[in-house]
Amino acid sequence: MAKELSDGSIDLPSFPEVAARVRRVLSDPHSSIDQVVRVVGSEPALAARLMRVANASSFNPSGRPVTDLRTAINRIGYSAVRSAAMAFGMSQMRKYNRLEALKPRMNELWKRSTVVAAFAYVLARTTQRVNPDEAMLTGMMHGIGKLYIITHAANHPALFADREALDSIMRDWHAPVGKAILENWHFPEAMAAAVGDQDDHGREDKGKPDLRDILAMAILMAQHSKDVRALESALESLPETVRLGLDAARTRTVMVGCAAEVSALSDALGA
């Protein structure tokens, strides 16, 4: 895996070609909306997912539904299109026969990624410190390193029998692997840095809050989504909370007041 990453030859077996095409066309600054609509529209299931995202309350506060793909893409923006495409790609990979033994891990990762993405979006919008669309995409991609490791573990069945070994590899490698993948795929530097530093809680930094802070908090919120008190305890004295201005009241606003929105957005991404 280290050699493949250093060579830049990233291979995610069975990752849907349409999701890869969406990533490529959105990475090209010269791509037109017509090209994006054609690529997305070539896969009906992905197009339907984008329509659900566009009509979710986060992107549709007026309650006025969109019914065509072009309007949906214009409404949610390219970052959200990318998030939905990556969610679609991950969901399709779960159907790959060679990964059947790891399906429970795939399901868990897919669901967690959509929830983290939703929390990142709502948290960024609430704190008004970073772009919410970029935050959602970063949340959606935070587990891409684990996905990469899972697909490669399928080539080494002995790891299946030793859950501890696979857990250890994923724990130690997933963040730097995820960062390397995003760099290889030409994602913005800030997103790659956030994914690479996602486990570095308590990072001492006197600068302005950034995507790293939003992602770290979104991951903790997803972990404690059913227990606000446990979350407040986990957040105590973390520098990220200070930089984001997240006191107990604002934390509860995101966790409780926005619970329905987080649920609707994660469902739309993961439907």
Protein backbone atom coordinates (compact mmCIF):
# COMPACT_ATOMS: atom_id res chain seq x y z
CA MET A 1 0.00 0.00 0.00
CA ALA A 2 2.82 2.39 0.86
CA LYS A 3 4.46 1.79 -2.52
CA GLU A 4 1.19 2.27 -4.38
CA LEU A 5 0.52 5.53 -2.58
CA SER A 6 4.03 6.84 -3.12
CA ASP A 7 3.80 5.95 -6.83
CA GLY A 8 0.48 7.75 -7.07
CA SER A 9 -1.19 4.66 -8.52
CA ILE A 10 -4.30 4.68 -6.33
CA ASP A 11 -6.59 1.75 -7.01
CA LEU A 12 -9.98 1.30 -5.37
CA PRO A 13 -11.33 -1.95 -6.83
CA SER A 14 -14.95 -1.73 -8.00
CA PHE A 15 -15.16 2.01 -7.31
CA PRO A 16 -17.86 3.00 -9.82
CA GLU A 17 -16.51 4.64 -12.94
CA VAL A 18 -19.26 7.26 -12.88
CA ALA A 19 -18.14 8.46 -9.43
CA ALA A 20 -14.56 8.68 -10.70
CA ARG A 21 -15.75 10.63 -13.76
CA VAL A 22 -17.64 13.07 -11.54
CA ARG A 23 -14.50 13.59 -9.49
CA ARG A 24 -12.43 14.20 -12.62
CA VAL A 25 -14.86 16.57 -14.31
CA LEU A 26 -15.27 18.64 -11.13
CA SER A 27 -11.50 18.81 -10.72
CA ASP A 28 -11.21 20.45 -14.13
CA PRO A 29 -11.69 24.23 -13.81
CA HIS A 30 -12.71 24.36 -17.46
CA SER A 31 -15.63 21.95 -17.06
CA SER A 32 -19.06 23.38 -17.85
CA ILE A 33 -22.35 22.76 -16.11
CA ASP A 34 -23.45 20.89 -19.24
CA GLN A 35 -20.58 18.41 -18.81
CA VAL A 36 -21.39 17.89 -15.13
CA VAL A 37 -25.08 17.32 -15.92
CA ARG A 38 -24.18 14.77 -18.64
CA VAL A 39 -21.83 12.82 -16.38
CA VAL A 40 -24.20 12.74 -13.42
CA GLY A 41 -27.20 12.02 -15.63
CA SER A 42 -25.47 8.97 -17.09
CA GLU A 43 -26.14 7.12 -13.82
CA PRO A 44 -29.83 7.35 -12.81
CA ALA A 45 -29.20 6.21 -9.24
CA LEU A 46 -26.62 8.96 -8.70
CA ALA A 47 -28.88 11.55 -10.34
CA ALA A 48 -31.73 10.52 -8.02
CA ARG A 49 -29.44 10.87 -5.01
CA LEU A 50 -28.46 14.39 -6.07
CA MET A 51 -32.12 15.32 -6.39
CA ARG A 52 -32.73 14.10 -2.84
CA VAL A 53 -29.81 16.16 -1.54
CA ALA A 54 -31.04 19.26 -3.39
CA ASN A 55 -34.49 18.86 -1.84
CA ALA A 56 -33.21 18.20 1.68
CA SER A 57 -33.97 20.97 4.17
CA SER A 58 -30.32 22.08 4.35
CA PHE A 59 -30.37 23.12 0.70
CA ASN A 60 -34.08 23.84 0.39
CA PRO A 61 -35.15 26.10 3.28
CA SER A 62 -38.01 27.51 1.19
CA GLY A 63 -39.49 24.06 0.72
CA ARG A 64 -39.69 24.62 -3.04
CA PRO A 65 -38.66 21.31 -4.66
CA VAL A 66 -36.46 21.07 -7.74
CA THR A 67 -37.39 18.59 -10.41
CA ASP A 68 -34.53 18.78 -12.92
CA LEU A 69 -30.89 17.81 -12.56
CA ARG A 70 -29.37 21.08 -13.79
CA THR A 71 -31.28 23.14 -11.21
CA ALA A 72 -30.39 20.62 -8.50
CA ILE A 73 -26.67 20.88 -9.29
CA ASN A 74 -26.81 24.68 -9.38
CA ARG A 75 -28.64 24.71 -6.04
CA ILE A 76 -26.27 22.51 -4.08
CA GLY A 77 -22.95 23.43 -5.73
CA TYR A 78 -20.07 21.31 -6.96
CA SER A 79 -18.76 20.36 -3.50
CA ALA A 80 -22.08 18.79 -2.58
CA VAL A 81 -22.21 17.05 -5.97
CA ARG A 82 -18.81 15.58 -5.20
CA SER A 83 -20.00 14.50 -1.72
CA ALA A 84 -23.03 12.74 -3.18
CA ALA A 85 -20.89 11.07 -5.86
CA MET A 86 -18.42 9.77 -3.28
CA ALA A 87 -21.28 8.50 -1.09
CA PHE A 88 -22.73 6.76 -4.14
CA GLY A 89 -19.36 5.20 -4.96
CA MET A 90 -18.92 3.87 -1.45
CA SER A 91 -22.45 2.47 -1.37
CA GLN A 92 -21.91 0.63 -4.66
CA MET A 93 -18.63 -0.90 -3.49
CA ARG A 94 -20.52 -2.74 -0.76
CA LYS A 95 -22.05 -4.90 -3.49
CA TYR A 96 -18.69 -6.12 -4.77
CA ASN A 97 -18.54 -9.88 -4.20
CA ARG A 98 -14.85 -9.94 -3.35
CA LEU A 99 -15.53 -7.62 -0.40
CA GLU A 100 -18.41 -9.71 0.96
CA ALA A 101 -16.42 -10.79 4.04
CA LEU A 102 -15.87 -7.14 4.92
CA LYS A 103 -19.40 -5.96 4.19
CA PRO A 104 -20.21 -5.10 7.84
CA ARG A 105 -17.18 -2.81 7.97
CA MET A 106 -18.15 -1.27 4.64
CA ASN A 107 -21.69 -0.60 5.86
CA GLU A 108 -20.45 0.95 9.07
CA LEU A 109 -17.95 3.17 7.25
CA TRP A 110 -20.50 4.30 4.66
CA LYS A 111 -23.13 5.22 7.26
CA ARG A 112 -20.60 6.94 9.51
CA SER A 113 -19.23 8.99 6.61
CA THR A 114 -22.66 10.35 5.70
CA VAL A 115 -23.37 11.31 9.32
CA VAL A 116 -19.98 13.00 9.76
CA ALA A 117 -20.55 14.87 6.49
CA ALA A 118 -23.95 16.10 7.69
CA PHE A 119 -22.59 17.20 11.07
CA ALA A 120 -19.67 18.96 9.38
CA TYR A 121 -22.06 20.88 7.14
CA VAL A 122 -24.37 21.98 9.95
CA LEU A 123 -21.47 22.75 12.29
CA ALA A 124 -19.68 24.88 9.69
CA ARG A 125 -22.87 26.78 8.94
CA THR A 126 -23.62 27.30 12.64
CA THR A 127 -20.15 28.51 13.60
CA GLN A 128 -19.69 30.46 10.33
CA ARG A 129 -15.94 29.80 10.33
CA VAL A 130 -15.45 27.70 7.18
CA ASN A 131 -17.38 26.99 3.99
CA PRO A 132 -20.19 24.50 4.80
CA ASP A 133 -20.02 22.81 1.38
CA GLU A 134 -16.30 22.16 1.74
CA ALA A 135 -16.90 20.92 5.28
CA MET A 136 -19.50 18.42 4.07
CA LEU A 137 -17.19 17.08 1.37
CA THR A 138 -14.34 16.77 3.88
CA GLY A 139 -16.63 14.86 6.24
CA MET A 140 -17.72 12.55 3.42
CA MET A 141 -14.08 11.83 2.56
CA HIS A 142 -12.71 11.46 6.09
CA GLY A 143 -12.94 7.66 5.92
CA ILE A 144 -11.49 7.18 2.45
CA GLY A 145 -8.26 5.84 3.99
CA LYS A 146 -10.22 3.11 5.78
CA LEU A 147 -12.02 2.26 2.55
CA TYR A 148 -8.69 1.91 0.77
CA ILE A 149 -7.35 -0.39 3.49
CA ILE A 150 -10.53 -2.50 3.49
CA THR A 151 -10.37 -3.08 -0.27
CA HIS A 152 -6.73 -4.12 -0.04
CA ALA A 153 -7.31 -6.32 3.00
CA ALA A 154 -9.53 -8.46 0.77
CA ASN A 155 -6.29 -9.62 -0.90
CA HIS A 156 -5.00 -10.89 2.44
CA PRO A 157 -7.66 -13.19 3.98
CA ALA A 158 -5.50 -13.89 7.03
CA LEU A 159 -6.31 -10.39 8.22
CA PHE A 160 -10.00 -11.32 8.39
CA ALA A 161 -9.24 -13.94 10.99
CA ASP A 162 -7.29 -11.45 13.09
CA ARG A 163 -9.66 -8.56 13.76
CA GLU A 164 -7.12 -6.98 16.08
CA ALA A 165 -4.49 -6.81 13.35
CA LEU A 166 -6.84 -5.20 10.84
CA ASP A 167 -8.12 -2.77 13.46
CA SER A 168 -4.54 -1.81 14.27
CA ILE A 169 -3.67 -1.22 10.61
CA MET A 170 -6.76 0.90 10.07
CA ARG A 171 -6.18 2.90 13.24
CA ASP A 172 -2.53 3.67 12.48
CA TRP A 173 -2.71 4.11 8.71
CA HIS A 174 -6.12 5.43 7.70
CA ALA A 175 -5.49 9.16 8.24
CA PRO A 176 -2.18 9.45 6.33
CA VAL A 177 -3.52 7.10 3.64
CA GLY A 178 -6.64 9.26 3.31
CA LYS A 179 -4.54 12.39 2.99
CA ALA A 180 -2.38 10.78 0.30
CA ILE A 181 -5.47 9.74 -1.68
CA LEU A 182 -6.99 13.23 -1.58
CA GLU A 183 -3.69 14.72 -2.68
CA ASN A 184 -3.48 12.19 -5.51
CA TRP A 185 -7.05 13.02 -6.55
CA HIS A 186 -6.23 16.75 -6.50
CA PHE A 187 -8.62 17.69 -3.73
CA PRO A 188 -7.95 21.09 -2.10
CA GLU A 189 -4.95 21.13 0.22
CA ALA A 190 -7.07 22.18 3.22
CA MET A 191 -9.27 19.09 2.83
CA ALA A 192 -6.29 16.74 2.56
CA ALA A 193 -4.74 18.34 5.67
CA ALA A 194 -7.98 17.96 7.64
CA VAL A 195 -8.30 14.27 6.74
CA GLY A 196 -4.63 13.68 7.59
CA ASP A 197 -4.94 15.38 11.01
CA GLN A 198 -8.39 14.07 11.95
CA ASP A 199 -7.10 12.00 14.88
CA ASP A 200 -4.93 14.81 16.26
CA HIS A 201 -7.31 16.01 18.94
CA GLY A 202 -5.97 18.76 21.13
CA ARG A 203 -3.88 20.25 18.34
CA GLU A 204 -2.38 23.43 19.76
CA ASP A 205 -2.81 26.15 17.20
CA LYS A 206 -3.41 29.81 17.94
CA GLY A 207 -4.57 30.54 14.39
CA LYS A 208 -8.09 30.85 13.03
CA PRO A 209 -10.40 27.81 13.04
CA ASP A 210 -10.26 25.74 9.90
CA LEU A 211 -11.51 22.54 8.30
CA ARG A 212 -9.39 20.47 10.67
CA ASP A 213 -11.33 21.81 13.64
CA ILE A 214 -14.70 21.30 11.96
CA LEU A 215 -13.87 17.72 10.95
CA ALA A 216 -12.53 16.81 14.38
CA MET A 217 -15.72 18.09 16.02
CA ALA A 218 -18.00 16.46 13.44
CA ILE A 219 -16.36 13.08 14.08
CA LEU A 220 -16.86 13.45 17.84
CA MET A 221 -20.47 14.51 17.32
CA ALA A 222 -21.12 11.47 15.16
CA GLN A 223 -19.56 9.23 17.82
CA HIS A 224 -21.76 10.73 20.55
CA SER A 225 -24.85 11.53 18.51
CA LYS A 226 -27.14 9.82 21.01
CA ASP A 227 -25.56 11.28 24.15
CA VAL A 228 -25.08 15.05 24.37
CA ARG A 229 -23.62 14.87 27.87
CA ALA A 230 -20.98 12.40 26.78
CA LEU A 231 -20.11 14.73 23.91
CA GLU A 232 -19.81 17.73 26.22
CA SER A 233 -17.48 15.70 28.43
CA ALA A 234 -15.38 14.65 25.40
CA LEU A 235 -15.12 18.28 24.25
CA GLU A 236 -13.96 19.67 27.59
CA SER A 237 -10.74 21.65 27.29
CA LEU A 238 -10.13 20.72 23.64
CA PRO A 239 -8.52 23.64 21.78
CA GLU A 240 -10.86 23.05 18.83
CA THR A 241 -13.87 24.08 20.89
CA VAL A 242 -12.20 27.36 21.82
CA ARG A 243 -11.24 28.17 18.23
CA LEU A 244 -14.77 27.41 17.03
CA GLY A 245 -16.45 29.21 19.92
CA LEU A 246 -18.31 26.02 20.81
CA ASP A 247 -19.62 26.40 24.34
CA ALA A 248 -22.12 23.96 25.88
CA ALA A 249 -25.12 25.92 24.57
CA ARG A 250 -23.92 26.02 20.95
CA THR A 251 -22.98 22.35 21.12
CA ARG A 252 -26.53 21.51 22.18
CA THR A 253 -27.89 23.68 19.37
CA VAL A 254 -26.07 21.58 16.81
CA MET A 255 -26.73 18.24 18.49
CA VAL A 256 -30.35 18.75 19.52
CA GLY A 257 -31.71 21.70 17.60
CA CYS A 258 -30.31 20.49 14.28
CA ALA A 259 -30.82 16.76 14.83
CA ALA A 260 -33.64 16.51 12.29
CA GLU A 261 -31.62 18.41 9.68
CA VAL A 262 -28.53 16.25 10.24
CA SER A 263 -30.66 13.12 9.92
CA ALA A 264 -32.37 14.34 6.72
CA LEU A 265 -29.08 15.35 5.09
CA SER A 266 -27.25 12.15 5.99
CA ASP A 267 -30.23 10.14 4.71
CA ALA A 268 -30.19 12.07 1.43
CA LEU A 269 -26.47 11.44 1.00
CA GLY A 270 -26.72 7.81 1.92
CA ALA A 271 -30.07 6.87 0.41
